[in-house]
């Protein structure tokens, strides 16, 4: 993975974490709407899907940590290649 891809992946995962956290912030509301254009529409309580969202956030945070460690390593390598 090159540096550009690394930074893009970090940005994408950070955005996914933010979106998932925004969903969890909706806990103050009673229902969460799920629907599609052609299919059935229904409401579920946010507490029903909260454990799934929390697990997804945990997984994304793990991936983000690995990518941030890789970024730090790349920065150190680049700094080592630059003349002082």
C-alpha atoms as a PDB file:
ATOM      1  CA  UNK A   1       0.000   0.000   0.000  1.00  0.00           C
ATOM      2  CA  UNK A   2       1.405   3.378  -0.918  1.00  0.00           C
ATOM      3  CA  UNK A   3       1.166   6.457   1.269  1.00  0.00           C
ATOM      4  CA  UNK A   4      -1.723   7.951  -0.685  1.00  0.00           C
ATOM      5  CA  UNK A   5      -3.783   4.762  -0.265  1.00  0.00           C
ATOM      6  CA  UNK A   6      -2.854   4.607   3.414  1.00  0.00           C
ATOM      7  CA  UNK A   7      -4.080   8.147   4.051  1.00  0.00           C
ATOM      8  CA  UNK A   8      -7.256   7.500   2.048  1.00  0.00           C
ATOM      9  CA  UNK A   9      -7.986   4.353   4.073  1.00  0.00           C
ATOM     10  CA  UNK A  10      -7.441   6.254   7.330  1.00  0.00           C
ATOM     11  CA  UNK A  11      -9.874   8.942   6.172  1.00  0.00           C
ATOM     12  CA  UNK A  12     -12.509   6.397   5.069  1.00  0.00           C
ATOM     13  CA  UNK A  13     -12.365   4.421   8.305  1.00  0.00           C
ATOM     14  CA  UNK A  14     -12.515   7.614  10.370  1.00  0.00           C
ATOM     15  CA  UNK A  15     -15.648   8.655   8.466  1.00  0.00           C
ATOM     16  CA  UNK A  16     -17.249   5.251   9.051  1.00  0.00           C
ATOM     17  CA  UNK A  17     -16.535   5.517  12.773  1.00  0.00           C
ATOM     18  CA  UNK A  18     -18.089   9.000  12.855  1.00  0.00           C
ATOM     19  CA  UNK A  19     -21.223   7.751  11.056  1.00  0.00           C
ATOM     20  CA  UNK A  20     -21.594   4.820  13.438  1.00  0.00           C
ATOM     21  CA  UNK A  21     -21.189   7.104  16.445  1.00  0.00           C
ATOM     22  CA  UNK A  22     -23.864   9.422  15.054  1.00  0.00           C
ATOM     23  CA  UNK A  23     -26.222   6.447  14.850  1.00  0.00           C
ATOM     24  CA  UNK A  24     -25.547   5.651  18.489  1.00  0.00           C
ATOM     25  CA  UNK A  25     -26.249   9.272  19.379  1.00  0.00           C
ATOM     26  CA  UNK A  26     -29.799   8.697  18.156  1.00  0.00           C
ATOM     27  CA  UNK A  27     -30.492   6.647  21.287  1.00  0.00           C
ATOM     28  CA  UNK A  28     -32.401   9.596  22.667  1.00  0.00           C
ATOM     29  CA  UNK A  29     -35.006   8.931  19.975  1.00  0.00           C
ATOM     30  CA  UNK A  30     -37.344   5.999  20.403  1.00  0.00           C
ATOM     31  CA  UNK A  31     -37.252   4.525  16.905  1.00  0.00           C
ATOM     32  CA  UNK A  32     -34.901   4.111  14.003  1.00  0.00           C
ATOM     33  CA  UNK A  33     -36.353   4.014  10.489  1.00  0.00           C
ATOM     34  CA  UNK A  34     -35.259   1.316   8.069  1.00  0.00           C
ATOM     35  CA  UNK A  35     -36.729   1.073   4.613  1.00  0.00           C
ATOM     36  CA  UNK A  36     -36.153   0.767   0.906  1.00  0.00           C
ATOM     37  CA  UNK A  37     -37.817   2.143  -2.184  1.00  0.00           C
ATOM     38  CA  UNK A  38     -39.415  -1.130  -3.239  1.00  0.00           C
ATOM     39  CA  UNK A  39     -39.521  -3.100  -0.012  1.00  0.00           C
ATOM     40  CA  UNK A  40     -41.254  -2.898   3.312  1.00  0.00           C
ATOM     41  CA  UNK A  41     -40.550  -0.071   5.718  1.00  0.00           C
ATOM     42  CA  UNK A  42     -40.440  -0.536   9.457  1.00  0.00           C
ATOM     43  CA  UNK A  43     -39.193   1.025  12.661  1.00  0.00           C
ATOM     44  CA  UNK A  44     -36.958  -0.600  15.231  1.00  0.00           C
ATOM     45  CA  UNK A  45     -35.750   0.653  18.581  1.00  0.00           C
ATOM     46  CA  UNK A  46     -32.139   1.860  18.423  1.00  0.00           C
ATOM     47  CA  UNK A  47     -31.232  -0.289  21.425  1.00  0.00           C
ATOM     48  CA  UNK A  48     -31.930  -3.357  19.261  1.00  0.00           C
ATOM     49  CA  UNK A  49     -29.115  -2.517  16.855  1.00  0.00           C
ATOM     50  CA  UNK A  50     -26.811  -0.680  19.267  1.00  0.00           C
ATOM     51  CA  UNK A  51     -24.705  -3.792  20.084  1.00  0.00           C
ATOM     52  CA  UNK A  52     -24.076  -4.350  16.379  1.00  0.00           C
ATOM     53  CA  UNK A  53     -23.050  -0.728  15.901  1.00  0.00           C
ATOM     54  CA  UNK A  54     -20.769  -0.851  18.952  1.00  0.00           C
ATOM     55  CA  UNK A  55     -19.081  -4.000  17.630  1.00  0.00           C
ATOM     56  CA  UNK A  56     -18.585  -2.322  14.256  1.00  0.00           C
ATOM     57  CA  UNK A  57     -17.020   0.721  15.936  1.00  0.00           C
ATOM     58  CA  UNK A  58     -14.667  -1.553  17.880  1.00  0.00           C
ATOM     59  CA  UNK A  59     -13.643  -3.371  14.689  1.00  0.00           C
ATOM     60  CA  UNK A  60     -13.089  -0.108  12.823  1.00  0.00           C
ATOM     61  CA  UNK A  61     -11.047   1.318  15.704  1.00  0.00           C
ATOM     62  CA  UNK A  62      -8.798  -1.757  15.573  1.00  0.00           C
ATOM     63  CA  UNK A  63      -8.274  -1.298  11.825  1.00  0.00           C
ATOM     64  CA  UNK A  64      -7.665   2.417  12.314  1.00  0.00           C
ATOM     65  CA  UNK A  65      -5.021   1.754  14.969  1.00  0.00           C
ATOM     66  CA  UNK A  66      -3.133  -0.545  12.583  1.00  0.00           C
ATOM     67  CA  UNK A  67      -3.272   2.065   9.822  1.00  0.00           C
ATOM     68  CA  UNK A  68      -2.167   4.860  12.152  1.00  0.00           C
ATOM     69  CA  UNK A  69       0.769   2.715  13.295  1.00  0.00           C
ATOM     70  CA  UNK A  70       1.677   2.170   9.645  1.00  0.00           C
ATOM     71  CA  UNK A  71       1.449   5.917   9.036  1.00  0.00           C
ATOM     72  CA  UNK A  72       3.761   6.606  11.968  1.00  0.00           C
ATOM     73  CA  UNK A  73       6.245   4.047  10.660  1.00  0.00           C
ATOM     74  CA  UNK A  74       6.121   5.597   7.193  1.00  0.00           C
ATOM     75  CA  UNK A  75       6.705   9.059   8.650  1.00  0.00           C
ATOM     76  CA  UNK A  76       9.722   7.782  10.563  1.00  0.00           C
ATOM     77  CA  UNK A  77      11.147   6.119   7.452  1.00  0.00           C
ATOM     78  CA  UNK A  78      10.670   9.276   5.404  1.00  0.00           C
ATOM     79  CA  UNK A  79      12.247  11.381   8.150  1.00  0.00           C
ATOM     80  CA  UNK A  80      15.213   8.996   8.196  1.00  0.00           C
ATOM     81  CA  UNK A  81      15.705   9.388   4.443  1.00  0.00           C
ATOM     82  CA  UNK A  82      15.722  13.174   4.503  1.00  0.00           C
ATOM     83  CA  UNK A  83      19.078  14.882   4.925  1.00  0.00           C
ATOM     84  CA  UNK A  84      19.520  16.914   8.076  1.00  0.00           C
END
